[in-house]
């Protein structure tokens, strides 16, 4: 599951992982769902909208979730504290760049390893 504030880059990350390229996105109202194949594992990734009015609905998506990726736009310094408030427990932080793809696969490496331990 991908969550984070609006305009953090969740949909950009989803389609970079799915298609290997940057696509033009619009604000997500609701969610996008895609299957991402990585190292012989199929991840069903839910990209859930991050507008402040939608955030209370995130909890409805958590059932049966095995991993959560919380996306933060590190350039949006004015909203870092807002993102921190939304994230109550940090599991793992992987610095990434959606446009270049830097760090995306390292994050999936960690998530794959954690899921294989279960």
PDB file of N, CA and C in Angstrom:
ATOM      1  N   UNK A   1       0.842  -1.163   0.000  1.00  0.00           N
ATOM      2  CA  UNK A   1       0.000   0.000   0.000  1.00  0.00           C
ATOM      3  C   UNK A   1       0.893   1.233   0.000  1.00  0.00           C
ATOM      4  N   UNK A   2       0.591   2.175  -0.873  1.00  0.00           N
ATOM      5  CA  UNK A   2       1.295   3.460  -0.957  1.00  0.00           C
ATOM      6  C   UNK A   2       0.391   4.543  -0.386  1.00  0.00           C
ATOM      7  N   UNK A   3       0.836   5.217   0.659  1.00  0.00           N
ATOM      8  CA  UNK A   3       0.095   6.356   1.192  1.00  0.00           C
ATOM      9  C   UNK A   3       1.068   7.502   1.425  1.00  0.00           C
ATOM     10  N   UNK A   4       0.529   8.672   1.625  1.00  0.00           N
ATOM     11  CA  UNK A   4       1.315   9.877   1.862  1.00  0.00           C
ATOM     12  C   UNK A   4       0.450  11.079   1.541  1.00  0.00           C
ATOM     13  N   UNK A   5       0.957  12.255   1.827  1.00  0.00           N
ATOM     14  CA  UNK A   5       0.202  13.472   1.538  1.00  0.00           C
ATOM     15  C   UNK A   5      -0.049  13.598   0.040  1.00  0.00           C
ATOM     16  N   UNK A   6      -1.031  14.411  -0.313  1.00  0.00           N
ATOM     17  CA  UNK A   6      -1.307  14.685  -1.721  1.00  0.00           C
ATOM     18  C   UNK A   6      -0.069  15.303  -2.370  1.00  0.00           C
ATOM     19  N   UNK A   7       0.148  14.959  -3.621  1.00  0.00           N
ATOM     20  CA  UNK A   7       1.262  15.471  -4.435  1.00  0.00           C
ATOM     21  C   UNK A   7       2.638  15.046  -3.917  1.00  0.00           C
ATOM     22  N   UNK A   8       2.700  13.952  -3.153  1.00  0.00           N
ATOM     23  CA  UNK A   8       3.984  13.470  -2.637  1.00  0.00           C
ATOM     24  C   UNK A   8       4.746  12.651  -3.673  1.00  0.00           C
ATOM     25  N   UNK A   9       4.044  12.100  -4.672  1.00  0.00           N
ATOM     26  CA  UNK A   9       4.704  11.295  -5.697  1.00  0.00           C
ATOM     27  C   UNK A   9       4.302   9.831  -5.702  1.00  0.00           C
ATOM     28  N   UNK A  10       3.235   9.486  -4.999  1.00  0.00           N
ATOM     29  CA  UNK A  10       2.801   8.088  -4.899  1.00  0.00           C
ATOM     30  C   UNK A  10       2.485   7.480  -6.256  1.00  0.00           C
ATOM     31  N   UNK A  11       1.696   8.165  -7.055  1.00  0.00           N
ATOM     32  CA  UNK A  11       1.310   7.636  -8.364  1.00  0.00           C
ATOM     33  C   UNK A  11       2.510   7.592  -9.301  1.00  0.00           C
ATOM     34  N   UNK A  12       3.385   8.575  -9.211  1.00  0.00           N
ATOM     35  CA  UNK A  12       4.610   8.565 -10.016  1.00  0.00           C
ATOM     36  C   UNK A  12       5.449   7.337  -9.683  1.00  0.00           C
ATOM     37  N   UNK A  13       5.595   7.038  -8.399  1.00  0.00           N
ATOM     38  CA  UNK A  13       6.348   5.852  -7.976  1.00  0.00           C
ATOM     39  C   UNK A  13       5.680   4.583  -8.481  1.00  0.00           C
ATOM     40  N   UNK A  14       4.357   4.492  -8.332  1.00  0.00           N
ATOM     41  CA  UNK A  14       3.633   3.292  -8.770  1.00  0.00           C
ATOM     42  C   UNK A  14       3.905   2.991 -10.236  1.00  0.00           C
ATOM     43  N   UNK A  15       3.785   3.995 -11.084  1.00  0.00           N
ATOM     44  CA  UNK A  15       3.946   3.742 -12.518  1.00  0.00           C
ATOM     45  C   UNK A  15       5.409   3.658 -12.945  1.00  0.00           C
ATOM     46  N   UNK A  16       6.323   4.235 -12.178  1.00  0.00           N
ATOM     47  CA  UNK A  16       7.752   4.018 -12.440  1.00  0.00           C
ATOM     48  C   UNK A  16       8.081   2.548 -12.187  1.00  0.00           C
ATOM     49  N   UNK A  17       7.540   1.989 -11.108  1.00  0.00           N
ATOM     50  CA  UNK A  17       7.763   0.573 -10.805  1.00  0.00           C
ATOM     51  C   UNK A  17       7.049  -0.335 -11.802  1.00  0.00           C
ATOM     52  N   UNK A  18       5.844   0.024 -12.201  1.00  0.00           N
ATOM     53  CA  UNK A  18       5.043  -0.815 -13.101  1.00  0.00           C
ATOM     54  C   UNK A  18       5.542  -0.744 -14.543  1.00  0.00           C
ATOM     55  N   UNK A  19       5.778   0.466 -15.040  1.00  0.00           N
ATOM     56  CA  UNK A  19       6.089   0.671 -16.457  1.00  0.00           C
ATOM     57  C   UNK A  19       7.559   0.986 -16.723  1.00  0.00           C
ATOM     58  N   UNK A  20       8.286   1.349 -15.683  1.00  0.00           N
ATOM     59  CA  UNK A  20       9.687   1.704 -15.855  1.00  0.00           C
ATOM     60  C   UNK A  20       9.889   3.094 -16.423  1.00  0.00           C
ATOM     61  N   UNK A  21       8.862   3.908 -16.387  1.00  0.00           N
ATOM     62  CA  UNK A  21       8.977   5.265 -16.934  1.00  0.00           C
ATOM     63  C   UNK A  21       8.101   6.220 -16.141  1.00  0.00           C
ATOM     64  N   UNK A  22       8.369   7.502 -16.320  1.00  0.00           N
ATOM     65  CA  UNK A  22       7.580   8.544 -15.678  1.00  0.00           C
ATOM     66  C   UNK A  22       6.372   8.846 -16.557  1.00  0.00           C
ATOM     67  N   UNK A  23       5.202   8.880 -15.945  1.00  0.00           N
ATOM     68  CA  UNK A  23       3.991   9.216 -16.681  1.00  0.00           C
ATOM     69  C   UNK A  23       3.392  10.487 -16.077  1.00  0.00           C
ATOM     70  N   UNK A  24       2.647  11.208 -16.881  1.00  0.00           N
ATOM     71  CA  UNK A  24       1.945  12.388 -16.394  1.00  0.00           C
ATOM     72  C   UNK A  24       0.782  11.921 -15.533  1.00  0.00           C
ATOM     73  N   UNK A  25       0.663  12.477 -14.342  1.00  0.00           N
ATOM     74  CA  UNK A  25      -0.392  12.050 -13.426  1.00  0.00           C
ATOM     75  C   UNK A  25      -1.318  13.212 -13.098  1.00  0.00           C
ATOM     76  N   UNK A  26      -2.468  12.857 -12.584  1.00  0.00           N
ATOM     77  CA  UNK A  26      -3.413  13.833 -12.044  1.00  0.00           C
ATOM     78  C   UNK A  26      -3.660  13.429 -10.592  1.00  0.00           C
ATOM     79  N   UNK A  27      -4.184  14.328  -9.760  1.00  0.00           N
ATOM     80  CA  UNK A  27      -4.439  13.952  -8.371  1.00  0.00           C
ATOM     81  C   UNK A  27      -5.330  12.705  -8.286  1.00  0.00           C
ATOM     82  N   UNK A  28      -4.947  11.792  -7.404  1.00  0.00           N
ATOM     83  CA  UNK A  28      -5.693  10.550  -7.240  1.00  0.00           C
ATOM     84  C   UNK A  28      -6.890  10.790  -6.333  1.00  0.00           C
ATOM     85  N   UNK A  29      -8.060  10.607  -6.888  1.00  0.00           N
ATOM     86  CA  UNK A  29      -9.290  10.654  -6.104  1.00  0.00           C
ATOM     87  C   UNK A  29      -9.718   9.204  -5.960  1.00  0.00           C
ATOM     88  N   UNK A  30      -9.590   8.669  -4.771  1.00  0.00           N
ATOM     89  CA  UNK A  30      -9.845   7.244  -4.581  1.00  0.00           C
ATOM     90  C   UNK A  30      -8.522   6.508  -4.558  1.00  0.00           C
ATOM     91  N   UNK A  31      -8.315   5.617  -5.538  1.00  0.00           N
ATOM     92  CA  UNK A  31      -7.094   4.816  -5.534  1.00  0.00           C
ATOM     93  C   UNK A  31      -6.768   4.307  -6.925  1.00  0.00           C
ATOM     94  N   UNK A  32      -5.523   3.877  -7.104  1.00  0.00           N
ATOM     95  CA  UNK A  32      -5.058   3.144  -8.284  1.00  0.00           C
ATOM     96  C   UNK A  32      -4.520   1.816  -7.765  1.00  0.00           C
ATOM     97  N   UNK A  33      -4.734   0.744  -8.510  1.00  0.00           N
ATOM     98  CA  UNK A  33      -4.214  -0.569  -8.127  1.00  0.00           C
ATOM     99  C   UNK A  33      -3.479  -1.161  -9.312  1.00  0.00           C
ATOM    100  N   UNK A  34      -2.253  -1.602  -9.088  1.00  0.00           N
ATOM    101  CA  UNK A  34      -1.453  -2.246 -10.129  1.00  0.00           C
ATOM    102  C   UNK A  34      -0.685  -3.404  -9.510  1.00  0.00           C
ATOM    103  N   UNK A  35      -0.361  -4.384 -10.335  1.00  0.00           N
ATOM    104  CA  UNK A  35       0.515  -5.470  -9.912  1.00  0.00           C
ATOM    105  C   UNK A  35       1.914  -5.164 -10.416  1.00  0.00           C
ATOM    106  N   UNK A  36       2.870  -5.188  -9.503  1.00  0.00           N
ATOM    107  CA  UNK A  36       4.265  -4.918  -9.823  1.00  0.00           C
ATOM    108  C   UNK A  36       5.047  -6.204  -9.592  1.00  0.00           C
ATOM    109  N   UNK A  37       5.772  -6.635 -10.612  1.00  0.00           N
ATOM    110  CA  UNK A  37       6.606  -7.835 -10.506  1.00  0.00           C
ATOM    111  C   UNK A  37       8.024  -7.404 -10.161  1.00  0.00           C
ATOM    112  N   UNK A  38       8.581  -8.019  -9.126  1.00  0.00           N
ATOM    113  CA  UNK A  38       9.946  -7.701  -8.733  1.00  0.00           C
ATOM    114  C   UNK A  38      10.559  -8.920  -8.061  1.00  0.00           C
ATOM    115  N   UNK A  39      11.678  -9.392  -8.609  1.00  0.00           N
ATOM    116  CA  UNK A  39      12.404 -10.538  -8.050  1.00  0.00           C
ATOM    117  C   UNK A  39      11.478 -11.722  -7.757  1.00  0.00           C
ATOM    118  N   UNK A  40      10.722 -12.126  -8.750  1.00  0.00           N
ATOM    119  CA  UNK A  40       9.828 -13.280  -8.643  1.00  0.00           C
ATOM    120  C   UNK A  40       8.725 -13.120  -7.602  1.00  0.00           C
ATOM    121  N   UNK A  41       8.441 -11.895  -7.209  1.00  0.00           N
ATOM    122  CA  UNK A  41       7.333 -11.625  -6.292  1.00  0.00           C
ATOM    123  C   UNK A  41       6.375 -10.674  -6.989  1.00  0.00           C
ATOM    124  N   UNK A  42       5.087 -10.976  -6.880  1.00  0.00           N
ATOM    125  CA  UNK A  42       4.056 -10.082  -7.404  1.00  0.00           C
ATOM    126  C   UNK A  42       3.513  -9.250  -6.249  1.00  0.00           C
ATOM    127  N   UNK A  43       3.685  -7.951  -6.348  1.00  0.00           N
ATOM    128  CA  UNK A  43       3.139  -7.031  -5.356  1.00  0.00           C
ATOM    129  C   UNK A  43       1.866  -6.422  -5.926  1.00  0.00           C
ATOM    130  N   UNK A  44       0.765  -6.538  -5.222  1.00  0.00           N
ATOM    131  CA  UNK A  44      -0.435  -5.795  -5.583  1.00  0.00           C
ATOM    132  C   UNK A  44      -0.343  -4.480  -4.818  1.00  0.00           C
ATOM    133  N   UNK A  45      -0.118  -3.401  -5.559  1.00  0.00           N
ATOM    134  CA  UNK A  45       0.147  -2.101  -4.938  1.00  0.00           C
ATOM    135  C   UNK A  45      -1.091  -1.222  -5.054  1.00  0.00           C
ATOM    136  N   UNK A  46      -1.579  -0.783  -3.911  1.00  0.00           N
ATOM    137  CA  UNK A  46      -2.693   0.160  -3.843  1.00  0.00           C
ATOM    138  C   UNK A  46      -2.112   1.545  -3.599  1.00  0.00           C
ATOM    139  N   UNK A  47      -2.339   2.453  -4.523  1.00  0.00           N
ATOM    140  CA  UNK A  47      -1.926   3.854  -4.422  1.00  0.00           C
ATOM    141  C   UNK A  47      -3.175   4.615  -4.004  1.00  0.00           C
ATOM    142  N   UNK A  48      -3.211   5.046  -2.742  1.00  0.00           N
ATOM    143  CA  UNK A  48      -4.414   5.666  -2.186  1.00  0.00           C
ATOM    144  C   UNK A  48      -4.228   7.179  -2.136  1.00  0.00           C
ATOM    145  N   UNK A  49      -5.243   7.900  -2.573  1.00  0.00           N
ATOM    146  CA  UNK A  49      -5.197   9.359  -2.603  1.00  0.00           C
ATOM    147  C   UNK A  49      -4.807   9.954  -1.262  1.00  0.00           C
ATOM    148  N   UNK A  50      -4.116  11.100  -1.299  1.00  0.00           N
ATOM    149  CA  UNK A  50      -3.592  11.688  -0.076  1.00  0.00           C
ATOM    150  C   UNK A  50      -4.172  13.032   0.320  1.00  0.00           C
ATOM    151  N   UNK A  51      -5.240  13.467  -0.350  1.00  0.00           N
ATOM    152  CA  UNK A  51      -5.844  14.741   0.037  1.00  0.00           C
ATOM    153  C   UNK A  51      -6.336  14.648   1.482  1.00  0.00           C
ATOM    154  N   UNK A  52      -6.294  15.778   2.196  1.00  0.00           N
ATOM    155  CA  UNK A  52      -6.628  15.743   3.621  1.00  0.00           C
ATOM    156  C   UNK A  52      -8.022  15.207   3.906  1.00  0.00           C
ATOM    157  N   UNK A  53      -8.955  15.397   3.004  1.00  0.00           N
ATOM    158  CA  UNK A  53     -10.314  14.886   3.217  1.00  0.00           C
ATOM    159  C   UNK A  53     -10.406  13.375   2.992  1.00  0.00           C
ATOM    160  N   UNK A  54      -9.438  12.812   2.266  1.00  0.00           N
ATOM    161  CA  UNK A  54      -9.432  11.375   1.977  1.00  0.00           C
ATOM    162  C   UNK A  54      -8.657  10.594   3.038  1.00  0.00           C
ATOM    163  N   UNK A  55      -7.699  11.217   3.691  1.00  0.00           N
ATOM    164  CA  UNK A  55      -6.827  10.506   4.643  1.00  0.00           C
ATOM    165  C   UNK A  55      -7.566   9.714   5.711  1.00  0.00           C
ATOM    166  N   UNK A  56      -8.695  10.217   6.247  1.00  0.00           N
ATOM    167  CA  UNK A  56      -9.403   9.395   7.241  1.00  0.00           C
ATOM    168  C   UNK A  56      -9.880   8.046   6.679  1.00  0.00           C
ATOM    169  N   UNK A  57      -9.949   7.923   5.368  1.00  0.00           N
ATOM    170  CA  UNK A  57     -10.386   6.665   4.753  1.00  0.00           C
ATOM    171  C   UNK A  57      -9.261   5.648   4.625  1.00  0.00           C
ATOM    172  N   UNK A  58      -8.008   6.065   4.814  1.00  0.00           N
ATOM    173  CA  UNK A  58      -6.880   5.143   4.677  1.00  0.00           C
ATOM    174  C   UNK A  58      -7.080   3.892   5.508  1.00  0.00           C
ATOM    175  N   UNK A  59      -7.611   4.039   6.725  1.00  0.00           N
ATOM    176  CA  UNK A  59      -7.737   2.894   7.630  1.00  0.00           C
ATOM    177  C   UNK A  59      -8.577   1.773   7.037  1.00  0.00           C
ATOM    178  N   UNK A  60      -9.465   2.105   6.113  1.00  0.00           N
ATOM    179  CA  UNK A  60     -10.307   1.083   5.488  1.00  0.00           C
ATOM    180  C   UNK A  60      -9.527   0.217   4.505  1.00  0.00           C
ATOM    181  N   UNK A  61      -8.364   0.665   4.100  1.00  0.00           N
ATOM    182  CA  UNK A  61      -7.542  -0.086   3.151  1.00  0.00           C
ATOM    183  C   UNK A  61      -6.507  -0.973   3.851  1.00  0.00           C
ATOM    184  N   UNK A  62      -6.319  -0.818   5.154  1.00  0.00           N
ATOM    185  CA  UNK A  62      -5.249  -1.514   5.867  1.00  0.00           C
ATOM    186  C   UNK A  62      -5.484  -3.007   6.058  1.00  0.00           C
ATOM    187  N   UNK A  63      -6.751  -3.444   6.071  1.00  0.00           N
ATOM    188  CA  UNK A  63      -7.022  -4.866   6.312  1.00  0.00           C
ATOM    189  C   UNK A  63      -6.321  -5.717   5.253  1.00  0.00           C
ATOM    190  N   UNK A  64      -5.625  -6.732   5.698  1.00  0.00           N
ATOM    191  CA  UNK A  64      -4.870  -7.664   4.847  1.00  0.00           C
ATOM    192  C   UNK A  64      -3.663  -7.021   4.162  1.00  0.00           C
ATOM    193  N   UNK A  65      -3.291  -5.815   4.561  1.00  0.00           N
ATOM    194  CA  UNK A  65      -2.091  -5.176   4.012  1.00  0.00           C
ATOM    195  C   UNK A  65      -0.865  -5.808   4.652  1.00  0.00           C
ATOM    196  N   UNK A  66       0.087  -6.205   3.824  1.00  0.00           N
ATOM    197  CA  UNK A  66       1.303  -6.830   4.339  1.00  0.00           C
ATOM    198  C   UNK A  66       2.481  -5.866   4.390  1.00  0.00           C
ATOM    199  N   UNK A  67       2.370  -4.748   3.714  1.00  0.00           N
ATOM    200  CA  UNK A  67       3.440  -3.764   3.725  1.00  0.00           C
ATOM    201  C   UNK A  67       2.889  -2.400   3.380  1.00  0.00           C
ATOM    202  N   UNK A  68       3.499  -1.373   3.948  1.00  0.00           N
ATOM    203  CA  UNK A  68       3.051  -0.013   3.707  1.00  0.00           C
ATOM    204  C   UNK A  68       4.254   0.836   3.322  1.00  0.00           C
ATOM    205  N   UNK A  69       4.112   1.583   2.252  1.00  0.00           N
ATOM    206  CA  UNK A  69       5.142   2.529   1.831  1.00  0.00           C
ATOM    207  C   UNK A  69       4.549   3.923   2.014  1.00  0.00           C
ATOM    208  N   UNK A  70       5.147   4.699   2.916  1.00  0.00           N
ATOM    209  CA  UNK A  70       4.684   6.056   3.178  1.00  0.00           C
ATOM    210  C   UNK A  70       5.586   7.003   2.404  1.00  0.00           C
ATOM    211  N   UNK A  71       5.023   7.711   1.444  1.00  0.00           N
ATOM    212  CA  UNK A  71       5.789   8.562   0.533  1.00  0.00           C
ATOM    213  C   UNK A  71       5.784  10.000   1.047  1.00  0.00           C
ATOM    214  N   UNK A  72       6.974  10.586   1.118  1.00  0.00           N
ATOM    215  CA  UNK A  72       7.137  11.975   1.545  1.00  0.00           C
ATOM    216  C   UNK A  72       7.925  12.708   0.471  1.00  0.00           C
ATOM    217  N   UNK A  73       7.436  13.872   0.051  1.00  0.00           N
ATOM    218  CA  UNK A  73       8.181  14.727  -0.874  1.00  0.00           C
ATOM    219  C   UNK A  73       9.152  15.553  -0.038  1.00  0.00           C
ATOM    220  N   UNK A  74      10.423  15.183  -0.055  1.00  0.00           N
ATOM    221  CA  UNK A  74      11.416  15.863   0.787  1.00  0.00           C
ATOM    222  C   UNK A  74      11.656  17.308   0.364  1.00  0.00           C
ATOM    223  N   UNK A  75      11.226  17.684  -0.827  1.00  0.00           N
ATOM    224  CA  UNK A  75      11.347  19.080  -1.261  1.00  0.00           C
ATOM    225  C   UNK A  75      10.222  19.949  -0.719  1.00  0.00           C
ATOM    226  N   UNK A  76       9.155  19.337  -0.241  1.00  0.00           N
ATOM    227  CA  UNK A  76       8.005  20.069   0.291  1.00  0.00           C
ATOM    228  C   UNK A  76       8.205  20.271   1.798  1.00  0.00           C
ATOM    229  N   UNK A  77       9.197  21.087   2.132  1.00  0.00           N
ATOM    230  CA  UNK A  77       9.604  21.253   3.530  1.00  0.00           C
ATOM    231  C   UNK A  77       8.500  21.828   4.414  1.00  0.00           C
ATOM    232  N   UNK A  78       7.597  22.591   3.833  1.00  0.00           N
ATOM    233  CA  UNK A  78       6.518  23.187   4.622  1.00  0.00           C
ATOM    234  C   UNK A  78       5.552  22.136   5.156  1.00  0.00           C
ATOM    235  N   UNK A  79       5.531  20.945   4.522  1.00  0.00           N
ATOM    236  CA  UNK A  79       4.566  19.927   4.950  1.00  0.00           C
ATOM    237  C   UNK A  79       5.220  18.687   5.567  1.00  0.00           C
ATOM    238  N   UNK A  80       6.510  18.754   5.851  1.00  0.00           N
ATOM    239  CA  UNK A  80       7.181  17.609   6.474  1.00  0.00           C
ATOM    240  C   UNK A  80       6.528  17.283   7.819  1.00  0.00           C
ATOM    241  N   UNK A  81       6.230  18.289   8.620  1.00  0.00           N
ATOM    242  CA  UNK A  81       5.612  18.019   9.928  1.00  0.00           C
ATOM    243  C   UNK A  81       4.211  17.444   9.759  1.00  0.00           C
ATOM    244  N   UNK A  82       3.494  17.881   8.726  1.00  0.00           N
ATOM    245  CA  UNK A  82       2.168  17.317   8.450  1.00  0.00           C
ATOM    246  C   UNK A  82       2.285  15.839   8.087  1.00  0.00           C
ATOM    247  N   UNK A  83       3.280  15.509   7.279  1.00  0.00           N
ATOM    248  CA  UNK A  83       3.506  14.103   6.919  1.00  0.00           C
ATOM    249  C   UNK A  83       3.866  13.298   8.162  1.00  0.00           C
ATOM    250  N   UNK A  84       4.687  13.866   9.017  1.00  0.00           N
ATOM    251  CA  UNK A  84       5.085  13.188  10.249  1.00  0.00           C
ATOM    252  C   UNK A  84       3.881  12.880  11.128  1.00  0.00           C
ATOM    253  N   UNK A  85       2.939  13.809  11.195  1.00  0.00           N
ATOM    254  CA  UNK A  85       1.728  13.594  11.981  1.00  0.00           C
ATOM    255  C   UNK A  85       0.906  12.431  11.429  1.00  0.00           C
ATOM    256  N   UNK A  86       0.876  12.291  10.106  1.00  0.00           N
ATOM    257  CA  UNK A  86       0.102  11.209   9.492  1.00  0.00           C
ATOM    258  C   UNK A  86       0.748   9.846   9.719  1.00  0.00           C
ATOM    259  N   UNK A  87       2.032   9.849   9.843  1.00  0.00           N
ATOM    260  CA  UNK A  87       2.759   8.592  10.026  1.00  0.00           C
ATOM    261  C   UNK A  87       3.023   8.389  11.511  1.00  0.00           C
ATOM    262  N   UNK A  88       2.352   7.420  12.112  1.00  0.00           N
ATOM    263  CA  UNK A  88       2.462   7.237  13.561  1.00  0.00           C
ATOM    264  C   UNK A  88       3.551   6.251  13.952  1.00  0.00           C
ATOM    265  N   UNK A  89       3.925   5.354  13.060  1.00  0.00           N
ATOM    266  CA  UNK A  89       4.982   4.391  13.375  1.00  0.00           C
ATOM    267  C   UNK A  89       5.844   4.192  12.142  1.00  0.00           C
ATOM    268  N   UNK A  90       7.121   4.436  12.270  1.00  0.00           N
ATOM    269  CA  UNK A  90       8.030   4.275  11.139  1.00  0.00           C
ATOM    270  C   UNK A  90       8.581   2.857  11.132  1.00  0.00           C
ATOM    271  N   UNK A  91       8.429   2.189  10.018  1.00  0.00           N
ATOM    272  CA  UNK A  91       8.917   0.819   9.888  1.00  0.00           C
ATOM    273  C   UNK A  91      10.294   0.795   9.235  1.00  0.00           C
ATOM    274  N   UNK A  92      10.418   1.490   8.134  1.00  0.00           N
ATOM    275  CA  UNK A  92      11.660   1.523   7.368  1.00  0.00           C
ATOM    276  C   UNK A  92      11.602   2.757   6.488  1.00  0.00           C
ATOM    277  N   UNK A  93      12.679   3.477   6.397  1.00  0.00           N
ATOM    278  CA  UNK A  93      12.714   4.670   5.548  1.00  0.00           C
ATOM    279  C   UNK A  93      13.761   4.455   4.473  1.00  0.00           C
ATOM    280  N   UNK A  94      13.351   4.568   3.215  1.00  0.00           N
ATOM    281  CA  UNK A  94      14.255   4.425   2.079  1.00  0.00           C
ATOM    282  C   UNK A  94      14.172   5.698   1.256  1.00  0.00           C
ATOM    283  N   UNK A  95      15.242   6.440   1.177  1.00  0.00           N
ATOM    284  CA  UNK A  95      15.272   7.638   0.339  1.00  0.00           C
ATOM    285  C   UNK A  95      15.162   7.213  -1.123  1.00  0.00           C
ATOM    286  N   UNK A  96      14.303   7.884  -1.872  1.00  0.00           N
ATOM    287  CA  UNK A  96      14.105   7.545  -3.279  1.00  0.00           C
ATOM    288  C   UNK A  96      13.938   8.800  -4.118  1.00  0.00           C
ATOM    289  N   UNK A  97      14.081   8.609  -5.415  1.00  0.00           N
ATOM    290  CA  UNK A  97      13.742   9.638  -6.396  1.00  0.00           C
ATOM    291  C   UNK A  97      12.882   8.951  -7.447  1.00  0.00           C
ATOM    292  N   UNK A  98      11.608   9.295  -7.501  1.00  0.00           N
ATOM    293  CA  UNK A  98      10.700   8.638  -8.438  1.00  0.00           C
ATOM    294  C   UNK A  98      11.120   8.879  -9.881  1.00  0.00           C
ATOM    295  N   UNK A  99      11.569  10.082 -10.192  1.00  0.00           N
ATOM    296  CA  UNK A  99      11.913  10.407 -11.580  1.00  0.00           C
ATOM    297  C   UNK A  99      13.123   9.624 -12.074  1.00  0.00           C
ATOM    298  N   UNK A 100      14.136   9.481 -11.240  1.00  0.00           N
ATOM    299  CA  UNK A 100      15.348   8.758 -11.627  1.00  0.00           C
ATOM    300  C   UNK A 100      15.274   7.278 -11.273  1.00  0.00           C
ATOM    301  N   UNK A 101      14.378   6.935 -10.361  1.00  0.00           N
ATOM    302  CA  UNK A 101      14.274   5.548  -9.924  1.00  0.00           C
ATOM    303  C   UNK A 101      15.232   5.202  -8.800  1.00  0.00           C
ATOM    304  N   UNK A 102      16.029   6.175  -8.350  1.00  0.00           N
ATOM    305  CA  UNK A 102      17.008   5.919  -7.289  1.00  0.00           C
ATOM    306  C   UNK A 102      16.302   5.477  -6.009  1.00  0.00           C
ATOM    307  N   UNK A 103      16.765   4.391  -5.428  1.00  0.00           N
ATOM    308  CA  UNK A 103      16.255   3.928  -4.147  1.00  0.00           C
ATOM    309  C   UNK A 103      14.984   3.109  -4.197  1.00  0.00           C
ATOM    310  N   UNK A 104      14.260   3.135  -5.317  1.00  0.00           N
ATOM    311  CA  UNK A 104      12.991   2.402  -5.388  1.00  0.00           C
ATOM    312  C   UNK A 104      13.206   0.906  -5.197  1.00  0.00           C
ATOM    313  N   UNK A 105      14.184   0.364  -5.885  1.00  0.00           N
ATOM    314  CA  UNK A 105      14.390  -1.083  -5.826  1.00  0.00           C
ATOM    315  C   UNK A 105      15.036  -1.506  -4.513  1.00  0.00           C
ATOM    316  N   UNK A 106      15.828  -0.632  -3.908  1.00  0.00           N
ATOM    317  CA  UNK A 106      16.371  -0.932  -2.589  1.00  0.00           C
ATOM    318  C   UNK A 106      15.237  -1.041  -1.571  1.00  0.00           C
ATOM    319  N   UNK A 107      14.240  -0.182  -1.692  1.00  0.00           N
ATOM    320  CA  UNK A 107      13.071  -0.266  -0.821  1.00  0.00           C
ATOM    321  C   UNK A 107      12.306  -1.562  -1.023  1.00  0.00           C
ATOM    322  N   UNK A 108      12.156  -1.961  -2.285  1.00  0.00           N
ATOM    323  CA  UNK A 108      11.477  -3.231  -2.561  1.00  0.00           C
ATOM    324  C   UNK A 108      12.315  -4.414  -2.093  1.00  0.00           C
ATOM    325  N   UNK A 109      13.649  -4.295  -2.160  1.00  0.00           N
ATOM    326  CA  UNK A 109      14.514  -5.348  -1.614  1.00  0.00           C
ATOM    327  C   UNK A 109      14.213  -5.558  -0.135  1.00  0.00           C
ATOM    328  N   UNK A 110      14.161  -4.456   0.615  1.00  0.00           N
ATOM    329  CA  UNK A 110      13.879  -4.552   2.043  1.00  0.00           C
ATOM    330  C   UNK A 110      12.505  -5.170   2.273  1.00  0.00           C
ATOM    331  N   UNK A 111      11.483  -4.671   1.555  1.00  0.00           N
ATOM    332  CA  UNK A 111      10.126  -5.178   1.731  1.00  0.00           C
ATOM    333  C   UNK A 111      10.045  -6.655   1.364  1.00  0.00           C
ATOM    334  N   UNK A 112      10.700  -7.059   0.282  1.00  0.00           N
ATOM    335  CA  UNK A 112      10.719  -8.472  -0.127  1.00  0.00           C
ATOM    336  C   UNK A 112      11.334  -9.343   0.958  1.00  0.00           C
ATOM    337  N   UNK A 113      12.454  -8.891   1.511  1.00  0.00           N
ATOM    338  CA  UNK A 113      13.115  -9.652   2.569  1.00  0.00           C
ATOM    339  C   UNK A 113      12.235  -9.783   3.805  1.00  0.00           C
ATOM    340  N   UNK A 114      11.557  -8.707   4.180  1.00  0.00           N
ATOM    341  CA  UNK A 114      10.683  -8.749   5.350  1.00  0.00           C
ATOM    342  C   UNK A 114       9.500  -9.687   5.124  1.00  0.00           C
ATOM    343  N   UNK A 115       8.910  -9.638   3.931  1.00  0.00           N
ATOM    344  CA  UNK A 115       7.767 -10.507   3.638  1.00  0.00           C
ATOM    345  C   UNK A 115       8.180 -11.969   3.585  1.00  0.00           C
ATOM    346  N   UNK A 116       9.390 -12.252   3.125  1.00  0.00           N
ATOM    347  CA  UNK A 116       9.838 -13.644   3.033  1.00  0.00           C
ATOM    348  C   UNK A 116      10.107 -14.241   4.412  1.00  0.00           C
ATOM    349  N   UNK A 117      10.266 -13.403   5.426  1.00  0.00           N
ATOM    350  CA  UNK A 117      10.478 -13.880   6.797  1.00  0.00           C
ATOM    351  C   UNK A 117       9.191 -14.399   7.426  1.00  0.00           C
ATOM    352  N   UNK A 118       8.046 -14.040   6.841  1.00  0.00           N
ATOM    353  CA  UNK A 118       6.750 -14.428   7.426  1.00  0.00           C
ATOM    354  C   UNK A 118       6.355 -15.807   7.005  1.00  0.00           C
TER     355      UNK A 118
END
